[in-house]
N, C-alpha and C. Protein backbone atom coordinates (compact mmCIF):
# COMPACT_ATOMS: atom_id res chain seq x y z
N UNK A 1 -44.60 0.49 11.46
CA UNK A 1 -43.48 1.27 12.19
C UNK A 1 -42.72 2.00 11.42
N UNK A 2 -42.40 3.53 11.23
CA UNK A 2 -41.35 4.28 10.47
C UNK A 2 -39.94 3.67 10.35
N UNK A 3 -39.56 2.90 9.12
CA UNK A 3 -38.16 2.94 9.44
C UNK A 3 -36.73 4.25 9.06
N UNK A 4 -36.34 3.89 9.81
CA UNK A 4 -35.10 5.10 9.62
C UNK A 4 -34.04 4.74 9.04
N UNK A 5 -33.72 5.53 7.54
CA UNK A 5 -32.22 4.65 7.08
C UNK A 5 -31.39 5.45 7.69
N UNK A 6 -29.96 4.72 7.57
CA UNK A 6 -29.15 4.96 7.68
C UNK A 6 -28.62 6.25 7.72
N UNK A 7 -28.10 6.52 6.18
CA UNK A 7 -28.08 7.94 6.14
C UNK A 7 -28.76 9.13 6.82
N UNK A 8 -30.54 8.53 7.07
CA UNK A 8 -31.21 9.87 7.60
C UNK A 8 -30.93 9.63 9.17
N UNK A 9 -30.21 8.82 9.38
CA UNK A 9 -30.17 8.70 11.11
C UNK A 9 -29.13 9.32 11.36
N UNK A 10 -28.07 9.27 10.74
CA UNK A 10 -26.78 9.96 10.64
C UNK A 10 -26.81 11.53 10.25
N UNK A 11 -27.66 11.69 9.32
CA UNK A 11 -27.97 13.13 9.43
C UNK A 11 -28.23 13.79 10.73
N UNK A 12 -29.78 12.80 11.58
CA UNK A 12 -30.24 13.48 12.26
C UNK A 12 -29.04 13.88 13.42
N UNK A 13 -28.45 12.79 13.78
CA UNK A 13 -27.25 12.61 14.85
C UNK A 13 -26.45 13.74 14.81
N UNK A 14 -26.03 13.84 13.23
CA UNK A 14 -24.95 15.40 12.99
C UNK A 14 -25.79 16.52 13.65
N UNK A 15 -27.00 16.82 13.39
CA UNK A 15 -27.77 18.06 13.58
C UNK A 15 -27.99 18.22 14.89
N UNK A 16 -28.19 16.93 15.67
CA UNK A 16 -28.17 16.99 17.40
C UNK A 16 -27.10 17.12 18.10
N UNK A 17 -25.49 16.76 17.48
CA UNK A 17 -24.62 17.40 17.60
C UNK A 17 -24.13 18.78 17.20
N UNK A 18 -24.35 19.45 16.40
CA UNK A 18 -24.63 20.84 15.80
C UNK A 18 -24.95 21.92 16.69
N UNK A 19 -26.47 21.47 16.85
CA UNK A 19 -26.96 21.87 17.80
C UNK A 19 -26.93 21.75 19.22
N UNK A 20 -25.56 20.83 20.35
CA UNK A 20 -25.33 21.05 21.30
C UNK A 20 -24.31 21.61 21.44
N UNK A 21 -23.44 21.88 20.39
CA UNK A 21 -22.28 22.64 20.17
C UNK A 21 -22.53 24.02 20.36
N UNK A 22 -23.35 24.40 19.21
CA UNK A 22 -23.78 26.04 19.61
C UNK A 22 -24.41 26.38 20.73
N UNK A 23 -25.21 25.39 21.25
CA UNK A 23 -25.93 25.70 22.68
C UNK A 23 -24.62 26.46 23.72
N UNK A 24 -23.37 25.20 23.61
CA UNK A 24 -22.53 25.16 24.57
C UNK A 24 -21.75 26.62 24.21
N UNK A 25 -21.51 26.63 22.81
CA UNK A 25 -20.33 27.94 22.56
C UNK A 25 -21.64 29.01 23.01
N UNK A 26 -22.80 29.19 22.84
CA UNK A 26 -23.58 30.27 23.37
C UNK A 26 -23.30 30.00 24.68
N UNK A 27 -23.59 29.51 25.32
CA UNK A 27 -23.38 29.45 27.16
C UNK A 27 -22.03 30.16 27.32
N UNK A 28 -20.84 29.64 26.71
CA UNK A 28 -19.70 30.44 27.32
C UNK A 28 -19.67 31.94 26.41
N UNK A 29 -19.90 32.13 25.61
CA UNK A 29 -19.74 33.82 25.25
C UNK A 29 -20.67 34.11 25.86
N UNK A 30 -22.01 33.88 26.34
CA UNK A 30 -22.90 34.79 27.00
C UNK A 30 -22.43 35.00 28.24
N UNK A 31 -21.79 33.39 28.95
CA UNK A 31 -21.08 34.07 30.23
C UNK A 31 -20.15 34.29 30.47
N UNK A 32 -19.67 34.55 29.61
CA UNK A 32 -18.18 35.42 29.44
C UNK A 32 -18.94 37.36 29.34
N UNK A 33 -19.33 37.68 28.25
CA UNK A 33 -19.47 38.90 27.91
C UNK A 33 -21.17 39.37 28.25
N UNK A 34 -22.36 38.07 28.41
CA UNK A 34 -23.50 38.88 28.97
C UNK A 34 -24.17 38.88 27.25
N UNK A 35 -25.22 39.48 27.98
CA UNK A 35 -26.14 39.26 26.43
C UNK A 35 -25.93 40.41 25.37
N UNK A 36 -25.74 41.57 25.75
CA UNK A 36 -25.73 42.75 24.94
C UNK A 36 -23.99 42.57 23.92
N UNK A 37 -23.41 42.08 24.78
CA UNK A 37 -22.06 42.15 24.22
C UNK A 37 -21.72 41.18 23.01
N UNK A 38 -22.67 39.92 22.97
CA UNK A 38 -22.55 38.67 22.46
C UNK A 38 -22.91 39.11 21.30
N UNK A 39 -22.13 38.34 20.38
CA UNK A 39 -22.55 38.51 18.70
C UNK A 39 -22.50 36.85 18.27
N UNK A 40 -23.61 37.07 17.55
CA UNK A 40 -23.38 35.46 16.65
C UNK A 40 -22.61 34.66 16.25
N UNK A 41 -22.24 35.85 15.37
CA UNK A 41 -20.95 35.46 14.90
C UNK A 41 -19.11 34.79 15.67
N UNK A 42 -19.44 35.35 16.81
CA UNK A 42 -18.40 35.02 17.89
C UNK A 42 -19.02 33.82 18.25
N UNK A 43 -20.06 33.61 18.11
CA UNK A 43 -20.79 32.39 18.91
C UNK A 43 -20.44 30.98 17.18
N UNK A 44 -20.49 31.14 16.67
CA UNK A 44 -20.28 30.27 15.10
C UNK A 44 -19.00 29.95 14.54
N UNK A 45 -18.39 31.03 15.29
CA UNK A 45 -16.74 30.66 15.13
C UNK A 45 -16.40 30.60 16.06
N UNK A 46 -16.74 30.19 17.42
CA UNK A 46 -16.02 29.00 18.50
C UNK A 46 -16.32 27.95 18.09
N UNK A 47 -17.16 27.85 17.57
CA UNK A 47 -17.28 25.98 16.99
C UNK A 47 -16.80 25.66 15.97
N UNK A 48 -16.35 26.62 14.81
CA UNK A 48 -15.79 26.07 13.65
C UNK A 48 -17.38 25.80 12.88
N UNK A 49 -18.29 26.43 13.16
CA UNK A 49 -19.23 26.26 12.28
C UNK A 49 -19.59 27.31 11.35
N UNK A 50 -20.62 27.41 10.96
CA UNK A 50 -21.05 28.63 10.00
C UNK A 50 -21.86 29.24 10.39
N UNK A 51 -22.44 30.60 9.52
CA UNK A 51 -23.44 30.95 10.13
C UNK A 51 -24.93 30.53 9.29
N UNK A 52 -24.72 29.58 8.08
CA UNK A 52 -25.69 28.91 8.07
C UNK A 52 -26.44 27.72 8.92
N UNK A 53 -25.37 27.14 9.43
CA UNK A 53 -25.34 26.09 10.22
C UNK A 53 -26.16 26.88 11.55
N UNK A 54 -25.91 27.91 12.29
CA UNK A 54 -26.61 28.30 12.92
C UNK A 54 -28.11 28.92 12.93
N UNK A 55 -28.11 29.74 11.77
CA UNK A 55 -29.52 29.89 11.34
C UNK A 55 -30.35 28.68 11.28
N UNK A 56 -29.88 27.73 11.05
CA UNK A 56 -31.07 26.25 10.74
C UNK A 56 -31.16 25.83 12.08
N UNK A 57 -30.33 26.31 12.84
CA UNK A 57 -31.29 25.88 14.34
C UNK A 57 -31.79 26.72 15.35
N UNK A 58 -31.08 28.15 14.85
CA UNK A 58 -31.41 29.27 15.75
C UNK A 58 -32.42 30.59 14.99
N UNK A 59 -33.12 30.97 15.02
CA UNK A 59 -33.90 32.23 14.18
C UNK A 59 -32.78 33.37 14.34
N UNK A 60 -32.38 33.44 16.40
CA UNK A 60 -31.84 34.82 16.43
C UNK A 60 -31.07 34.81 17.61
N UNK A 61 -30.65 35.83 17.93
CA UNK A 61 -29.55 35.79 19.19
C UNK A 61 -30.60 35.55 20.54
N UNK A 62 -31.58 36.40 20.53
CA UNK A 62 -32.74 35.90 21.23
C UNK A 62 -33.11 34.67 21.54
N UNK A 63 -32.89 33.54 20.23
CA UNK A 63 -33.78 32.51 20.42
C UNK A 63 -32.74 31.64 20.61
N UNK A 64 -31.03 32.11 20.81
CA UNK A 64 -30.40 31.26 21.30
C UNK A 64 -30.28 31.05 22.67
N UNK A 65 -30.64 32.64 23.22
CA UNK A 65 -31.23 33.21 24.82
C UNK A 65 -31.96 32.07 25.23
N UNK A 66 -32.99 31.88 24.58
CA UNK A 66 -34.08 31.33 24.93
C UNK A 66 -34.20 30.08 25.18
N UNK A 67 -33.31 29.42 24.53
CA UNK A 67 -33.01 28.18 24.75
C UNK A 67 -32.29 27.40 25.99
N UNK A 68 -31.33 28.61 26.02
CA UNK A 68 -30.42 28.29 27.14
C UNK A 68 -31.51 28.33 28.23
N UNK A 69 -31.64 29.34 28.53
CA UNK A 69 -32.98 29.62 29.66
C UNK A 69 -33.72 28.49 29.75
N UNK A 70 -34.44 27.87 28.64
CA UNK A 70 -34.93 26.92 28.91
C UNK A 70 -34.42 25.28 28.87
N UNK A 71 -33.07 25.15 28.98
CA UNK A 71 -32.92 24.31 29.04
C UNK A 71 -32.16 24.11 30.93
N UNK A 72 -32.08 24.92 31.39
CA UNK A 72 -31.48 25.47 32.90
C UNK A 72 -32.48 24.13 33.98
N UNK A 73 -33.35 24.09 34.11
CA UNK A 73 -34.27 23.71 34.90
C UNK A 73 -34.14 21.81 34.72
N UNK A 74 -34.37 21.47 33.59
CA UNK A 74 -34.30 19.91 33.50
C UNK A 74 -33.40 19.28 33.11
N UNK A 75 -31.74 20.19 33.19
CA UNK A 75 -30.39 19.65 33.13
C UNK A 75 -29.82 19.23 35.26
N UNK A 76 -30.77 20.38 35.80
CA UNK A 76 -30.48 20.41 37.42
C UNK A 76 -31.19 19.24 37.74
N UNK A 77 -32.11 18.79 37.86
CA UNK A 77 -32.77 17.77 38.42
C UNK A 77 -32.51 16.50 38.46
N UNK A 78 -32.16 15.94 39.77
CA UNK A 78 -31.69 14.78 39.92
C UNK A 78 -33.03 13.40 39.92
N UNK A 79 -32.67 12.45 39.62
CA UNK A 79 -33.86 11.52 39.81
C UNK A 79 -34.90 11.05 41.24
N UNK A 80 -35.47 11.16 41.22
CA UNK A 80 -36.38 10.84 42.78
C UNK A 80 -35.93 10.29 43.58
N UNK A 81 -36.16 10.03 44.78
CA UNK A 81 -35.40 9.29 46.16
C UNK A 81 -36.58 9.64 46.92
N UNK A 82 -36.16 8.44 47.99
CA UNK A 82 -37.36 8.21 49.01
C UNK A 82 -37.02 9.79 50.15
N UNK A 83 -36.13 9.78 50.14
CA UNK A 83 -35.91 11.36 50.82
C UNK A 83 -36.15 12.29 49.94
N UNK A 84 -37.00 13.06 50.08
CA UNK A 84 -37.61 14.23 48.99
C UNK A 84 -36.64 15.11 49.86
N UNK A 85 -36.05 15.01 50.74
CA UNK A 85 -35.42 16.73 51.28
C UNK A 85 -33.77 16.10 50.78
N UNK A 86 -33.74 14.84 50.74
CA UNK A 86 -32.04 14.97 50.39
C UNK A 86 -32.08 15.29 48.69
N UNK A 87 -33.46 15.16 48.47
CA UNK A 87 -33.42 14.90 46.62
C UNK A 87 -33.26 16.54 46.11
N UNK A 88 -34.17 17.24 47.11
CA UNK A 88 -33.62 18.68 46.62
C UNK A 88 -32.36 19.57 47.00
N UNK A 89 -31.84 18.86 47.93
CA UNK A 89 -30.27 18.85 48.78
C UNK A 89 -29.18 18.55 47.33
N UNK A 90 -29.76 17.54 46.95
CA UNK A 90 -28.76 17.03 45.82
C UNK A 90 -28.75 17.61 44.71
N UNK A 91 -30.47 18.37 44.09
CA UNK A 91 -30.60 19.12 43.16
C UNK A 91 -29.37 19.75 43.13
N UNK A 92 -29.72 20.48 44.50
CA UNK A 92 -28.35 22.41 44.78
C UNK A 92 -27.21 21.87 44.30
N UNK A 93 -27.16 20.60 44.85
CA UNK A 93 -25.39 20.34 44.37
C UNK A 93 -24.96 20.00 42.66
N UNK A 94 -25.94 19.56 42.71
CA UNK A 94 -25.60 19.29 40.96
C UNK A 94 -25.91 20.24 40.13
N UNK A 95 -26.99 21.11 40.30
CA UNK A 95 -26.73 22.48 39.99
C UNK A 95 -25.85 23.18 40.08
N UNK A 96 -24.93 23.39 41.15
CA UNK A 96 -23.76 23.94 41.49
C UNK A 96 -22.14 23.04 40.45
N UNK A 97 -22.92 21.77 40.48
CA UNK A 97 -21.48 21.35 39.59
C UNK A 97 -21.58 21.62 37.98
N UNK A 98 -22.60 22.01 38.08
CA UNK A 98 -23.73 21.97 36.37
C UNK A 98 -22.61 23.70 36.28
N UNK A 99 -22.89 24.76 37.50
CA UNK A 99 -22.49 25.90 37.10
C UNK A 99 -20.84 25.72 37.16
N UNK A 100 -20.40 25.15 37.46
CA UNK A 100 -18.84 25.08 37.42
C UNK A 100 -18.25 24.76 36.38
N UNK A 101 -19.00 23.31 35.58
CA UNK A 101 -18.54 22.73 34.58
C UNK A 101 -18.99 22.74 33.07
N UNK A 102 -20.37 23.17 33.52
CA UNK A 102 -21.13 23.04 32.28
C UNK A 102 -21.72 24.47 31.18
N UNK A 103 -20.63 24.97 30.22
CA UNK A 103 -20.79 25.89 30.03
C UNK A 103 -21.99 26.61 29.53
N UNK A 104 -22.77 25.37 28.98
CA UNK A 104 -24.63 26.06 28.60
C UNK A 104 -25.25 26.71 29.97
N UNK A 105 -24.56 25.99 30.55
CA UNK A 105 -26.24 26.31 32.49
C UNK A 105 -24.94 27.51 32.67
N UNK A 106 -23.66 27.37 32.62
CA UNK A 106 -23.07 28.42 32.98
C UNK A 106 -23.57 30.61 32.68
N UNK A 107 -23.88 30.01 30.34
CA UNK A 107 -24.56 30.94 30.39
C UNK A 107 -25.90 31.29 30.42
N UNK A 108 -26.52 30.41 30.65
CA UNK A 108 -28.14 29.81 31.14
C UNK A 108 -28.17 30.79 32.42
N UNK A 109 -27.40 30.73 33.67
CA UNK A 109 -27.57 31.27 34.78
C UNK A 109 -26.87 33.12 34.78
N UNK A 110 -26.34 33.24 33.89
CA UNK A 110 -25.82 34.23 33.66
C UNK A 110 -26.85 35.51 32.77
N UNK A 111 -27.86 34.62 31.95
CA UNK A 111 -28.82 35.29 31.24
C UNK A 111 -30.18 35.59 32.11
N UNK A 112 -29.93 34.28 33.07
CA UNK A 112 -31.21 34.70 34.04
C UNK A 112 -30.69 35.90 35.63
N UNK A 113 -29.49 36.31 35.38
CA UNK A 113 -30.18 37.43 36.10
C UNK A 113 -28.89 38.69 35.62
N UNK A 114 -29.31 38.66 34.22
CA UNK A 114 -28.71 39.88 33.48
C UNK A 114 -29.74 40.56 33.00
N UNK A 115 -29.62 41.77 34.11
CA UNK A 115 -30.54 43.05 33.70
C UNK A 115 -30.78 43.50 32.37
N UNK A 116 -29.80 43.55 31.86
CA UNK A 116 -29.90 44.11 30.19
C UNK A 116 -30.99 43.39 28.80
N UNK A 117 -31.44 42.48 29.57
CA UNK A 117 -31.88 41.04 28.26
C UNK A 117 -33.04 42.47 27.47
N UNK A 118 -32.98 42.12 26.22
CA UNK A 118 -34.47 43.22 25.80
C UNK A 118 -35.70 42.16 25.83
N UNK A 119 -36.77 42.75 25.49
CA UNK A 119 -38.31 42.89 25.96
C UNK A 119 -38.18 41.23 25.78
N UNK A 120 -38.10 40.69 24.27
CA UNK A 120 -38.10 39.39 24.07
C UNK A 120 -38.61 38.37 24.90
N UNK A 121 -37.24 38.37 25.46
CA UNK A 121 -36.41 37.53 26.34
C UNK A 121 -37.43 37.56 27.78
N UNK A 122 -37.53 37.21 28.56
CA UNK A 122 -38.05 36.84 29.87
C UNK A 122 -37.59 35.82 30.50
N UNK A 123 -36.90 35.71 31.82
CA UNK A 123 -35.85 34.93 32.10
C UNK A 123 -36.84 34.76 33.95
N UNK A 124 -38.08 35.14 33.76
CA UNK A 124 -39.06 34.90 35.10
C UNK A 124 -39.54 33.49 34.23
N UNK A 125 -39.91 32.66 33.59
CA UNK A 125 -40.42 31.93 33.24
C UNK A 125 -39.56 30.66 34.04
N UNK A 126 -38.02 31.22 33.77
CA UNK A 126 -36.79 29.91 34.54
C UNK A 126 -37.05 29.95 35.95
N UNK A 127 -37.56 31.25 36.65
CA UNK A 127 -37.28 30.96 37.90
C UNK A 127 -38.79 30.59 38.20
N UNK A 128 -39.71 30.73 37.74
CA UNK A 128 -40.73 30.30 38.28
C UNK A 128 -40.78 28.39 37.72
N UNK A 129 -40.37 28.07 37.03
CA UNK A 129 -39.91 26.59 36.67
C UNK A 129 -39.36 26.12 37.87
N UNK A 130 -38.85 26.86 38.45
CA UNK A 130 -37.74 26.12 39.50
C UNK A 130 -38.44 26.24 41.28
N UNK A 131 -39.42 27.48 40.61
CA UNK A 131 -40.24 27.33 42.22
C UNK A 131 -41.07 26.20 42.18
N UNK A 132 -42.22 26.07 40.84
CA UNK A 132 -42.55 25.05 40.84
C UNK A 132 -42.01 24.14 40.85
N UNK A 133 -40.89 23.60 40.86
CA UNK A 133 -40.59 21.71 40.66
C UNK A 133 -40.18 21.86 42.28
N UNK A 134 -39.38 22.77 42.83
CA UNK A 134 -38.97 22.53 44.58
C UNK A 134 -40.30 23.04 45.10
N UNK A 135 -40.88 23.19 44.52
CA UNK A 135 -42.43 22.82 45.58
C UNK A 135 -42.96 21.81 45.34
N UNK A 136 -42.67 21.42 44.12
CA UNK A 136 -43.70 19.71 44.35
C UNK A 136 -42.66 19.20 44.87
N UNK A 137 -41.30 18.68 44.81
CA UNK A 137 -40.60 18.28 46.26
C UNK A 137 -41.19 18.62 47.56
N UNK A 138 -41.48 19.32 47.62
CA UNK A 138 -41.10 19.89 48.66
C UNK A 138 -42.97 19.53 49.55
N UNK A 139 -43.85 19.97 48.92
CA UNK A 139 -45.35 19.19 48.76
C UNK A 139 -45.40 17.65 49.01
N UNK A 140 -44.15 16.85 48.23
CA UNK A 140 -43.81 15.27 48.99
C UNK A 140 -43.85 15.14 49.78
N UNK A 141 -42.54 15.95 50.20
CA UNK A 141 -41.90 15.71 51.54
C UNK A 141 -43.13 15.92 52.59
N UNK A 142 -44.09 16.99 52.38
CA UNK A 142 -44.40 17.41 53.60
C UNK A 142 -45.48 16.16 53.86
N UNK A 143 -45.82 15.64 52.58
CA UNK A 143 -46.89 14.55 53.29
C UNK A 143 -46.81 13.27 53.26
N UNK A 144 -45.55 13.66 53.47
CA UNK A 144 -44.94 11.79 53.99
C UNK A 144 -44.44 12.26 54.93
N UNK A 145 -44.69 13.08 55.63
CA UNK A 145 -43.99 14.02 57.20
C UNK A 145 -42.24 13.91 57.26
N UNK A 146 -41.81 14.26 55.94
CA UNK A 146 -40.69 14.78 56.14
C UNK A 146 -40.07 15.73 56.41
N UNK A 147 -41.35 16.31 56.43
CA UNK A 147 -41.48 18.29 56.67
C UNK A 147 -41.47 18.61 58.61
N UNK A 148 -41.44 19.67 58.53
CA UNK A 148 -41.89 19.87 59.71
C UNK A 148 -43.61 20.88 59.69
N UNK A 149 -44.64 20.12 60.46
CA UNK A 149 -46.26 20.94 60.55
C UNK A 149 -45.82 22.34 60.21
N UNK A 150 -45.53 23.00 60.63
CA UNK A 150 -45.53 24.49 59.94
C UNK A 150 -44.81 24.97 58.91
N UNK A 151 -43.94 24.22 58.28
CA UNK A 151 -42.96 24.83 56.94
C UNK A 151 -44.24 24.52 56.15
N UNK A 152 -44.27 25.77 55.27
CA UNK A 152 -45.52 25.35 53.88
C UNK A 152 -44.19 25.29 53.06
N UNK A 153 -44.68 24.47 52.41
CA UNK A 153 -43.99 24.00 50.97
C UNK A 153 -43.96 25.68 49.97
N UNK A 154 -44.44 26.34 49.62
CA UNK A 154 -44.78 26.96 48.60
C UNK A 154 -43.78 28.41 49.27
N UNK A 155 -44.05 28.57 50.44
CA UNK A 155 -42.80 29.85 51.21
C UNK A 155 -41.52 29.14 51.17
N UNK A 156 -41.20 27.72 51.71
CA UNK A 156 -39.74 27.24 51.60
C UNK A 156 -39.18 27.25 50.34
N UNK A 157 -39.89 27.19 49.32
CA UNK A 157 -39.26 27.30 47.99
C UNK A 157 -39.07 28.59 47.64
N UNK A 158 -40.00 29.46 48.03
CA UNK A 158 -39.30 30.59 47.06
C UNK A 158 -38.43 31.18 48.18
N UNK A 159 -38.05 31.13 49.41
CA UNK A 159 -36.94 31.47 50.20
C UNK A 159 -35.82 30.74 49.80
N UNK A 160 -35.76 28.98 49.65
CA UNK A 160 -34.53 29.05 49.13
C UNK A 160 -34.06 28.72 48.01
N UNK A 161 -35.26 29.13 47.05
CA UNK A 161 -34.57 29.53 45.80
C UNK A 161 -33.79 30.91 45.99
N UNK A 162 -34.90 32.35 46.36
CA UNK A 162 -34.15 33.14 46.83
C UNK A 162 -32.78 33.36 47.19
N UNK A 163 -32.33 32.33 48.41
CA UNK A 163 -31.56 32.29 49.15
C UNK A 163 -29.93 31.69 48.29
N UNK A 164 -30.43 30.86 47.36
CA UNK A 164 -29.56 30.00 46.74
C UNK A 164 -29.18 31.38 45.31
N UNK A 165 -29.64 32.01 44.50
CA UNK A 165 -29.28 32.66 43.52
C UNK A 165 -28.47 33.89 44.57
N UNK A 166 -29.04 34.38 45.81
CA UNK A 166 -27.78 35.37 46.40
C UNK A 166 -26.14 35.01 46.49
N UNK A 167 -26.41 33.28 46.82
CA UNK A 167 -24.93 32.91 47.72
C UNK A 167 -23.74 32.45 46.29
N UNK A 168 -24.98 32.26 45.00
CA UNK A 168 -24.32 32.16 43.72
C UNK A 168 -23.63 33.32 43.60
N UNK A 169 -24.33 34.45 43.14
CA UNK A 169 -23.91 35.62 42.79
C UNK A 169 -23.30 36.10 43.76
N UNK A 170 -23.02 36.14 45.10
CA UNK A 170 -22.09 36.10 45.94
C UNK A 170 -20.98 35.87 46.04
N UNK A 171 -20.42 34.39 45.85
CA UNK A 171 -19.46 33.99 45.10
C UNK A 171 -19.02 33.60 43.45
N UNK A 172 -19.66 34.08 43.17
CA UNK A 172 -19.38 35.04 41.47
C UNK A 172 -18.78 35.55 41.52
N UNK A 173 -18.93 36.46 42.35
CA UNK A 173 -18.18 38.36 42.39
C UNK A 173 -17.22 37.76 43.27
N UNK A 174 -16.66 36.66 44.18
CA UNK A 174 -15.89 37.16 45.17
C UNK A 174 -14.91 35.86 44.89
N UNK A 175 -15.03 34.70 44.21
CA UNK A 175 -13.94 34.10 43.70
C UNK A 175 -14.91 33.12 42.55
N UNK A 176 -15.44 33.27 41.67
CA UNK A 176 -15.52 32.92 40.21
C UNK A 176 -16.14 31.16 40.62
N UNK A 177 -16.79 31.53 41.46
CA UNK A 177 -17.73 30.50 42.49
C UNK A 177 -16.96 28.81 42.69
N UNK A 178 -15.82 29.27 43.09
CA UNK A 178 -15.21 28.22 43.28
C UNK A 178 -15.16 27.77 45.05
N UNK A 179 -15.88 28.78 45.89
CA UNK A 179 -16.49 28.44 47.17
C UNK A 179 -18.00 28.14 46.55
N UNK A 180 -18.62 27.94 45.61
CA UNK A 180 -19.87 27.64 45.27
C UNK A 180 -20.57 26.50 46.77
N UNK A 181 -19.74 25.20 46.02
CA UNK A 181 -20.15 24.25 47.29
C UNK A 181 -20.30 24.13 48.52
N UNK A 182 -19.26 24.56 49.55
CA UNK A 182 -18.84 25.18 50.52
C UNK A 182 -20.36 26.43 51.24
N UNK A 183 -20.45 27.59 50.35
CA UNK A 183 -21.73 28.38 50.65
C UNK A 183 -22.67 27.60 50.70
N UNK A 184 -23.26 26.38 49.53
CA UNK A 184 -24.48 26.12 49.77
C UNK A 184 -24.44 24.81 50.42
N UNK A 185 -23.60 24.06 51.08
CA UNK A 185 -23.34 23.13 52.76
C UNK A 185 -24.12 24.28 53.96
N UNK A 186 -23.23 25.24 53.78
CA UNK A 186 -23.61 26.31 54.89
C UNK A 186 -25.05 26.81 54.78
N UNK A 187 -25.29 27.14 54.27
CA UNK A 187 -26.97 27.19 53.43
C UNK A 187 -27.87 26.79 54.13
N UNK A 188 -27.62 24.96 53.98
CA UNK A 188 -28.69 24.18 54.24
C UNK A 188 -28.51 23.53 55.36
N UNK A 189 -27.42 24.04 55.94
CA UNK A 189 -26.82 24.28 57.22
C UNK A 189 -28.16 24.91 58.06
N UNK A 190 -27.92 26.05 57.51
CA UNK A 190 -28.70 27.26 58.56
C UNK A 190 -30.17 27.18 58.07
N UNK A 191 -30.52 26.27 56.78
CA UNK A 191 -32.26 26.36 56.75
C UNK A 191 -32.74 25.21 57.15
N UNK A 192 -32.24 24.31 57.40
CA UNK A 192 -32.88 22.73 57.49
C UNK A 192 -33.52 22.45 58.53
N UNK A 193 -32.74 23.40 59.67
CA UNK A 193 -33.58 22.85 61.02
C UNK A 193 -34.88 23.43 60.91
N UNK A 194 -35.32 24.81 60.32
CA UNK A 194 -36.52 24.93 60.03
C UNK A 194 -37.50 24.69 58.72
N UNK A 195 -37.32 23.57 58.38
CA UNK A 195 -38.14 22.99 56.73
C UNK A 195 -37.97 21.23 57.67
N UNK A 196 -37.01 20.22 57.73
CA UNK A 196 -37.23 19.54 58.10
C UNK A 196 -37.10 18.58 59.51
N UNK A 197 -38.05 17.42 59.26
CA UNK A 197 -38.97 16.91 60.72
C UNK A 197 -37.27 16.15 61.29
N UNK A 198 -37.90 16.68 62.72
CA UNK A 198 -36.22 16.35 63.69
C UNK A 198 -35.32 15.13 63.06
N UNK A 199 -36.61 14.00 62.76
CA UNK A 199 -35.94 12.62 62.50
C UNK A 199 -35.19 12.32 61.72
N UNK A 200 -35.44 13.42 60.34
CA UNK A 200 -34.48 13.36 59.38
C UNK A 200 -33.34 14.29 59.63
N UNK A 201 -33.15 15.13 60.28
CA UNK A 201 -31.71 16.04 60.16
C UNK A 201 -30.83 15.09 60.61
N UNK A 202 -30.44 13.87 61.11
CA UNK A 202 -29.48 13.26 61.37
C UNK A 202 -29.09 11.99 59.68
N UNK A 203 -29.72 12.15 59.28
CA UNK A 203 -29.37 11.41 57.86
C UNK A 203 -29.65 11.97 56.72
N UNK A 204 -29.46 13.37 56.69
CA UNK A 204 -29.40 14.09 55.50
C UNK A 204 -27.78 14.59 55.49
N UNK A 205 -27.43 14.49 54.16
CA UNK A 205 -25.92 14.12 53.78
C UNK A 205 -26.26 16.21 52.84
N UNK A 206 -25.33 16.95 53.78
CA UNK A 206 -24.93 18.37 53.18
C UNK A 206 -23.41 18.66 53.19
N UNK A 207 -22.65 18.00 52.77
CA UNK A 207 -21.23 18.23 53.08
C UNK A 207 -21.11 18.70 51.60
N UNK A 208 -19.85 19.55 51.37
CA UNK A 208 -19.59 19.91 50.48
C UNK A 208 -19.23 18.83 49.32
N UNK A 209 -18.67 17.79 49.63
CA UNK A 209 -18.49 17.26 48.58
C UNK A 209 -19.34 15.46 47.76
N UNK A 210 -20.77 16.39 48.62
CA UNK A 210 -21.83 15.58 48.34
C UNK A 210 -21.98 14.69 46.78
N UNK A 211 -21.35 15.65 45.94
CA UNK A 211 -22.03 15.47 44.78
C UNK A 211 -21.01 13.89 44.44
N UNK A 212 -19.64 13.55 45.11
CA UNK A 212 -19.01 12.71 44.91
C UNK A 212 -19.87 11.39 45.04
N UNK A 213 -20.43 11.56 46.18
CA UNK A 213 -21.17 10.14 46.31
C UNK A 213 -22.72 10.05 45.69
N UNK A 214 -22.83 10.93 44.64
CA UNK A 214 -24.19 10.55 43.65
C UNK A 214 -23.43 10.24 42.59
N UNK A 215 -24.36 9.29 42.00
CA UNK A 215 -24.09 8.56 40.81
C UNK A 215 -24.91 9.59 39.54
N UNK A 216 -24.63 10.61 39.67
CA UNK A 216 -25.07 11.03 38.31
C UNK A 216 -24.24 11.11 36.74
N UNK A 217 -24.28 11.88 35.91
CA UNK A 217 -23.39 12.26 35.49
C UNK A 217 -24.03 13.34 34.43
N UNK A 218 -22.86 14.32 34.63
CA UNK A 218 -22.75 15.60 34.17
C UNK A 218 -22.06 15.60 32.66
N UNK A 219 -23.03 16.41 32.06
CA UNK A 219 -22.67 16.28 30.80
C UNK A 219 -21.88 17.66 30.76
N UNK A 220 -20.58 17.18 29.71
CA UNK A 220 -19.40 18.29 30.21
C UNK A 220 -19.56 19.38 28.69
N UNK A 221 -20.55 20.04 28.10
CA UNK A 221 -20.90 20.82 27.71
C UNK A 221 -20.69 21.92 27.35
């Protein structure tokens, strides 16, 4: 087994921290100004870093944007639960919390709905990744009898993702997402009767403050 010397380990840890700070700063700037109006100088100056350090981690502004989009789904997914429907609900509320409190995710979400991205940046894989994850969870729910037999996991997944994008855009435009937990709770209230098996409905927690009852750690970057 290779031995990592303390000096090497410290250098690696500094590199990881620097990359995280650059991603957080990029998220802030992209969220504030959009892709086209963002400059690399604004990003590295916001961290107190240098151009050289930024280019050590990222080749370009597009590379930074792609990194943010890539982080979106893995950061939002919650640990597996016995109730797959509740697991999906909790993923939604966790994602809302990240949008409200995590600069990386705010930037990633702005990029995923930004119509002015250059050709080399494709937001579609992020939506495909969401669809794949949601369909996977729903398929498990379907197999275990937690879903209505008539509900098709792939169709439900695409409908939920499209609906979520819609309510978050409306909430962003009207009140800077402060109402988003309530809007998500309302979305679940309307959609769950057509998804969850009747025996599951009463046990599901869809209240706007659901996140306060979860044992999740939201990274504040």
